[in-house]
Amino acid sequence: MFFKLLTLKRFNHLIWKNNCFIIFQMGFHRKIINEETTKSYLNSDELNVLYSAESLIFMDNFSSKIYELYKEGKDNQEIKKIVYENNYGTQGH
């Protein structure tokens, strides 16, 4: 199972229950991101919207890799090219 949690602000409680993390904090904006969601935002050139949260929870390696490319300053077209060239995704890495 792949799981990566990136928090941009502190949270009060993080509890593992029933194979998922439960995060508690009032007003805490978080997004759970998987491959399907990442591809949808990447294809609509809106990764900046996807990553606009206080906490990002990546459920797979693909989504985590795309975020790392985004944080390196690559734009959507560059990321799409890298994904295609390296065969990232369900069939690939």
Protein backbone atom coordinates (compact mmCIF):
# COMPACT_ATOMS: atom_id res chain seq x y z
CA MET A 1 0.00 0.00 0.00
CA PHE A 2 1.34 3.41 -0.96
CA PHE A 3 0.58 6.41 1.22
CA LYS A 4 2.22 9.81 1.44
CA LEU A 5 1.00 12.69 3.55
CA LEU A 6 2.20 16.21 2.91
CA THR A 7 1.07 18.82 5.38
CA LEU A 8 1.57 22.48 4.82
CA LYS A 9 0.19 23.40 8.25
CA ARG A 10 0.05 21.55 11.57
CA PHE A 11 -2.89 19.38 12.51
CA ASN A 12 -4.06 18.22 15.93
CA HIS A 13 -4.58 14.49 15.48
CA LEU A 14 -3.70 11.86 12.91
CA ILE A 15 -5.19 8.42 13.57
CA TRP A 16 -4.84 5.22 11.51
CA LYS A 17 -8.15 3.36 11.42
CA ASN A 18 -9.64 0.85 8.97
CA ASN A 19 -6.73 1.19 6.52
CA CYS A 20 -6.94 4.95 6.25
CA PHE A 21 -5.78 8.00 8.13
CA ILE A 22 -8.29 10.19 9.88
CA ILE A 23 -7.22 13.80 10.39
CA PHE A 24 -8.83 16.04 12.97
CA GLN A 25 -8.64 19.79 13.06
CA MET A 26 -11.30 22.44 12.82
CA GLY A 27 -11.19 24.29 9.50
CA PHE A 28 -8.45 22.04 8.13
CA HIS A 29 -8.54 21.90 4.32
CA ARG A 30 -7.13 18.65 2.96
CA LYS A 31 -7.32 16.77 -0.32
CA ILE A 32 -6.95 13.06 -0.89
CA ILE A 33 -5.29 12.62 -4.27
CA ASN A 34 -5.18 9.47 -6.39
CA GLU A 35 -4.09 8.67 -9.95
CA GLU A 36 -7.52 9.22 -11.49
CA THR A 37 -7.89 12.66 -9.88
CA THR A 38 -4.35 13.65 -10.82
CA LYS A 39 -4.85 12.69 -14.47
CA SER A 40 -8.12 14.60 -14.62
CA TYR A 41 -6.56 17.83 -13.30
CA LEU A 42 -3.42 17.34 -15.40
CA ASN A 43 -5.48 16.96 -18.60
CA SER A 44 -7.49 20.07 -17.80
CA ASP A 45 -4.30 22.04 -17.01
CA GLU A 46 -5.44 22.79 -13.46
CA LEU A 47 -2.84 21.18 -11.19
CA ASN A 48 -2.60 24.46 -9.28
CA VAL A 49 -6.27 24.02 -8.28
CA LEU A 50 -5.70 20.42 -7.22
CA TYR A 51 -2.76 21.36 -5.02
CA SER A 52 -4.48 24.30 -3.30
CA ALA A 53 -4.96 22.84 0.18
CA GLU A 54 -3.30 22.89 3.59
CA SER A 55 -2.67 19.17 3.39
CA LEU A 56 -2.24 16.80 0.45
CA ILE A 57 -2.67 13.05 0.92
CA PHE A 58 -1.28 10.99 -1.96
CA MET A 59 -2.73 7.51 -2.35
CA ASP A 60 -0.34 6.25 -5.03
CA ASN A 61 3.16 6.70 -6.39
CA PHE A 62 1.96 8.26 -9.65
CA SER A 63 0.24 11.17 -7.90
CA SER A 64 3.24 11.73 -5.67
CA LYS A 65 5.62 11.84 -8.68
CA ILE A 66 3.40 14.35 -10.50
CA TYR A 67 3.37 16.59 -7.43
CA GLU A 68 7.17 16.44 -7.21
CA LEU A 69 7.43 17.51 -10.87
CA TYR A 70 4.95 20.33 -10.22
CA LYS A 71 6.95 21.55 -7.21
CA GLU A 72 10.11 21.57 -9.38
CA GLY A 73 8.38 24.27 -11.44
CA LYS A 74 7.44 22.20 -14.46
CA ASP A 75 4.28 23.28 -16.26
CA ASN A 76 1.44 20.95 -17.26
CA GLN A 77 2.78 20.38 -20.78
CA GLU A 78 6.24 19.42 -19.50
CA ILE A 79 4.69 17.07 -16.95
CA LYS A 80 2.49 15.43 -19.60
CA LYS A 81 5.57 14.89 -21.78
CA ILE A 82 7.50 13.30 -18.89
CA VAL A 83 4.51 11.06 -18.03
CA TYR A 84 4.26 9.90 -21.65
CA GLU A 85 8.02 9.38 -22.11
CA ASN A 86 8.39 7.42 -18.87
CA ASN A 87 5.11 5.49 -19.15
CA TYR A 88 3.99 6.61 -15.68
CA GLY A 89 0.61 5.49 -14.48
CA THR A 90 -1.33 2.30 -13.92
CA GLN A 91 0.57 0.35 -16.57
CA GLY A 92 3.93 1.94 -15.84
CA HIS A 93 6.08 2.78 -12.81
